[in-house]
N, C-alpha and C. Protein backbone atom coordinates (compact mmCIF):
# COMPACT_ATOMS: atom_id res chain seq x y z
N MET A 1 -16.02 5.65 -3.43
CA MET A 1 -15.04 6.32 -4.18
C MET A 1 -14.53 5.06 -5.46
N TYR A 2 -14.32 3.98 -5.15
CA TYR A 2 -14.14 2.81 -5.94
C TYR A 2 -15.18 2.06 -6.65
N GLN A 3 -16.71 2.63 -6.48
CA GLN A 3 -17.54 2.00 -6.45
C GLN A 3 -17.51 1.44 -8.10
N GLY A 4 -17.81 0.48 -8.10
CA GLY A 4 -17.91 -0.69 -9.70
C GLY A 4 -16.32 -0.60 -10.35
N LYS A 5 -15.17 -0.32 -9.50
CA LYS A 5 -14.22 -0.17 -10.21
C LYS A 5 -13.15 -1.39 -9.32
N GLU A 6 -12.25 -1.81 -9.83
CA GLU A 6 -11.20 -2.46 -9.23
C GLU A 6 -10.06 -2.33 -9.08
N LEU A 7 -9.23 -1.91 -8.08
CA LEU A 7 -8.01 -1.39 -7.81
C LEU A 7 -7.14 -2.58 -8.28
N GLN A 8 -5.94 -1.91 -9.44
CA GLN A 8 -5.06 -2.59 -9.67
C GLN A 8 -3.69 -2.28 -9.18
N LEU A 9 -2.96 -3.27 -8.61
CA LEU A 9 -2.04 -2.85 -8.18
C LEU A 9 -0.66 -2.62 -9.22
N VAL A 10 0.38 -1.85 -9.61
CA VAL A 10 1.10 -1.51 -10.41
C VAL A 10 2.33 -1.93 -9.91
N SER A 11 3.30 -3.09 -10.70
CA SER A 11 4.50 -3.49 -9.94
C SER A 11 5.75 -3.02 -10.91
N TYR A 12 6.42 -2.30 -10.47
CA TYR A 12 7.99 -2.15 -11.50
C TYR A 12 8.95 -2.74 -10.95
N ILE A 13 10.19 -3.17 -11.81
CA ILE A 13 10.88 -3.92 -11.38
C ILE A 13 12.08 -3.12 -11.79
N LEU A 14 13.18 -2.63 -10.90
CA LEU A 14 14.35 -2.15 -11.07
C LEU A 14 15.80 -2.69 -11.07
N ARG A 15 16.11 -2.87 -11.86
CA ARG A 15 17.63 -3.56 -11.80
C ARG A 15 18.74 -3.02 -12.20
N ILE A 16 19.83 -2.87 -11.33
CA ILE A 16 21.13 -2.40 -11.10
C ILE A 16 22.02 -3.36 -11.18
N ARG A 17 23.01 -2.62 -12.17
CA ARG A 17 24.19 -4.05 -12.45
C ARG A 17 25.62 -2.84 -12.36
N ASP A 18 26.73 -3.64 -11.86
CA ASP A 18 27.70 -2.50 -11.87
C ASP A 18 28.74 -3.66 -11.61
N ASP A 19 30.07 -3.40 -12.26
CA ASP A 19 31.22 -4.04 -11.93
C ASP A 19 32.47 -3.76 -10.89
N CYS A 20 31.95 -2.98 -10.07
CA CYS A 20 32.51 -2.54 -8.96
C CYS A 20 32.76 -3.60 -7.95
N THR A 21 33.42 -3.57 -7.02
CA THR A 21 34.07 -4.62 -5.65
C THR A 21 32.26 -5.37 -5.41
N ALA A 22 32.23 -6.65 -4.97
CA ALA A 22 31.08 -7.03 -4.53
C ALA A 22 30.70 -6.15 -3.02
N PHE A 23 29.46 -6.16 -3.24
CA PHE A 23 28.74 -5.62 -2.01
C PHE A 23 27.44 -6.08 -2.10
N ASP A 24 26.66 -6.47 -1.33
CA ASP A 24 25.72 -7.05 -1.16
C ASP A 24 24.76 -6.37 0.07
N PRO A 25 23.86 -5.33 -0.43
CA PRO A 25 23.25 -4.75 0.29
C PRO A 25 22.19 -4.94 1.15
N THR A 26 21.55 -6.44 0.52
CA THR A 26 20.85 -6.97 1.28
C THR A 26 21.01 -7.93 2.55
N GLU A 27 22.39 -8.16 2.90
CA GLU A 27 23.55 -8.74 4.17
C GLU A 27 23.58 -7.47 4.84
N TYR A 28 24.03 -6.32 4.03
CA TYR A 28 23.91 -4.89 5.00
C TYR A 28 22.81 -4.24 5.86
N HIS A 29 21.83 -4.59 5.23
CA HIS A 29 20.63 -4.33 5.56
C HIS A 29 20.12 -5.15 7.08
N LYS A 30 20.70 -6.49 6.86
CA LYS A 30 20.07 -7.22 8.07
C LYS A 30 21.06 -6.77 9.06
N VAL A 31 22.30 -6.52 9.02
CA VAL A 31 23.25 -6.09 10.23
C VAL A 31 22.91 -4.58 10.53
N MET A 32 22.63 -3.72 9.83
CA MET A 32 22.76 -2.35 10.27
C MET A 32 21.72 -1.94 11.47
N LYS A 33 22.02 -1.00 12.22
CA LYS A 33 21.42 -0.62 12.95
C LYS A 33 20.32 0.36 12.76
N MET A 34 18.93 0.04 12.82
CA MET A 34 17.70 1.16 12.28
C MET A 34 17.47 2.02 12.99
N ASP A 35 17.93 1.82 14.33
CA ASP A 35 17.88 3.13 15.22
C ASP A 35 18.94 4.50 15.01
N GLU A 36 19.62 4.48 14.18
CA GLU A 36 20.61 5.06 13.73
C GLU A 36 20.44 6.35 12.58
N LEU A 37 19.49 7.36 13.53
CA LEU A 37 18.66 8.57 12.36
C LEU A 37 19.84 9.12 11.21
N GLY A 38 19.63 9.16 9.96
CA GLY A 38 20.49 9.75 9.55
C GLY A 38 21.73 9.12 8.72
N LYS A 39 21.85 7.64 9.13
CA LYS A 39 22.92 6.76 8.16
C LYS A 39 22.14 5.77 7.61
N ASN A 40 22.73 5.46 6.66
CA ASN A 40 22.11 4.22 5.79
C ASN A 40 20.99 4.71 5.01
N VAL A 41 20.55 6.37 4.99
CA VAL A 41 19.55 6.58 4.47
C VAL A 41 18.88 5.78 3.18
N GLY A 42 19.59 5.87 1.80
CA GLY A 42 19.60 5.23 0.99
C GLY A 42 18.85 3.88 0.88
N ILE A 43 19.59 3.14 1.74
CA ILE A 43 19.27 1.81 1.83
C ILE A 43 17.74 1.77 2.51
N GLN A 44 17.71 2.35 3.65
CA GLN A 44 16.37 2.28 4.54
C GLN A 44 15.36 2.66 3.51
N MET A 45 15.28 3.96 2.66
CA MET A 45 14.67 4.29 1.43
C MET A 45 14.18 2.92 0.83
N VAL A 46 15.26 2.60 0.00
CA VAL A 46 14.71 1.62 -1.06
C VAL A 46 13.82 0.41 -0.29
N TYR A 47 14.24 -0.26 1.04
CA TYR A 47 13.68 -0.96 1.59
C TYR A 47 12.13 -0.94 2.20
N GLY A 48 12.03 0.53 2.13
CA GLY A 48 10.76 1.45 2.72
C GLY A 48 9.84 1.01 1.70
N MET A 49 10.05 1.37 0.69
CA MET A 49 9.04 1.70 -0.51
C MET A 49 9.01 0.08 -1.61
N ALA A 50 10.33 -1.09 -1.45
CA ALA A 50 10.20 -2.21 -1.82
C ALA A 50 9.35 -3.54 -1.71
N ARG A 51 8.81 -4.11 -2.51
CA ARG A 51 8.32 -4.93 -1.91
C ARG A 51 9.04 -6.46 -1.80
N GLU A 52 10.69 -6.72 -2.49
CA GLU A 52 11.21 -7.43 -2.67
C GLU A 52 12.73 -6.93 -3.13
N VAL A 53 13.65 -7.22 -2.52
CA VAL A 53 14.91 -6.95 -2.67
C VAL A 53 15.58 -8.18 -3.00
N GLN A 54 16.66 -8.42 -4.25
CA GLN A 54 17.33 -9.50 -4.31
C GLN A 54 18.88 -9.12 -4.59
N TYR A 55 19.98 -9.66 -4.36
CA TYR A 55 20.96 -9.63 -5.05
C TYR A 55 21.89 -10.60 -5.33
N GLN A 56 22.54 -10.47 -6.53
CA GLN A 56 23.49 -11.74 -6.92
C GLN A 56 24.65 -10.75 -7.64
N ASN A 57 25.53 -12.00 -7.53
CA ASN A 57 27.15 -11.49 -8.20
C ASN A 57 27.09 -12.44 -9.38
N LEU A 58 26.89 -12.13 -10.68
CA LEU A 58 26.95 -12.88 -11.55
C LEU A 58 28.04 -12.80 -12.42
N LEU A 59 28.82 -13.31 -12.49
CA LEU A 59 30.06 -13.05 -13.81
C LEU A 59 30.85 -11.76 -13.00
N GLY A 60 30.93 -11.43 -11.80
CA GLY A 60 31.79 -10.62 -11.12
C GLY A 60 30.96 -9.40 -11.19
N MET A 61 29.73 -9.29 -11.61
CA MET A 61 28.85 -8.30 -11.86
C MET A 61 27.84 -8.47 -10.68
N ASN A 62 27.82 -6.98 -9.70
CA ASN A 62 26.74 -6.94 -8.67
C ASN A 62 25.56 -6.80 -9.47
N VAL A 63 24.41 -7.31 -9.17
CA VAL A 63 23.07 -7.42 -9.70
C VAL A 63 22.18 -7.14 -8.65
N LEU A 64 21.36 -6.10 -8.74
CA LEU A 64 20.68 -5.77 -7.41
C LEU A 64 19.21 -5.79 -8.11
N THR A 65 18.27 -6.37 -8.08
CA THR A 65 16.65 -6.60 -8.38
C THR A 65 15.99 -5.74 -7.29
N ILE A 66 15.16 -5.02 -7.29
CA ILE A 66 14.21 -4.27 -6.31
C ILE A 66 12.83 -4.51 -7.46
N LEU A 67 12.01 -5.18 -6.33
CA LEU A 67 10.32 -5.34 -6.97
C LEU A 67 9.80 -4.07 -6.17
N ILE A 68 9.25 -2.94 -6.47
CA ILE A 68 8.52 -1.94 -6.36
C ILE A 68 7.16 -1.93 -6.67
């Protein structure tokens, strides 16, 4: 199927910033129960497709960087 061709991986960086109350989804992901189906679906989806997730609070801004 890929004879003579190299398979190249493409990466995307998604960066989300807001000035709301500080919320670190990386810490939340560490303590949430993965066996609770139907809860925290958004965070589970992001972690399911992300290679890396990083959170920072810079100058009162939440900055979430996701490497896909």
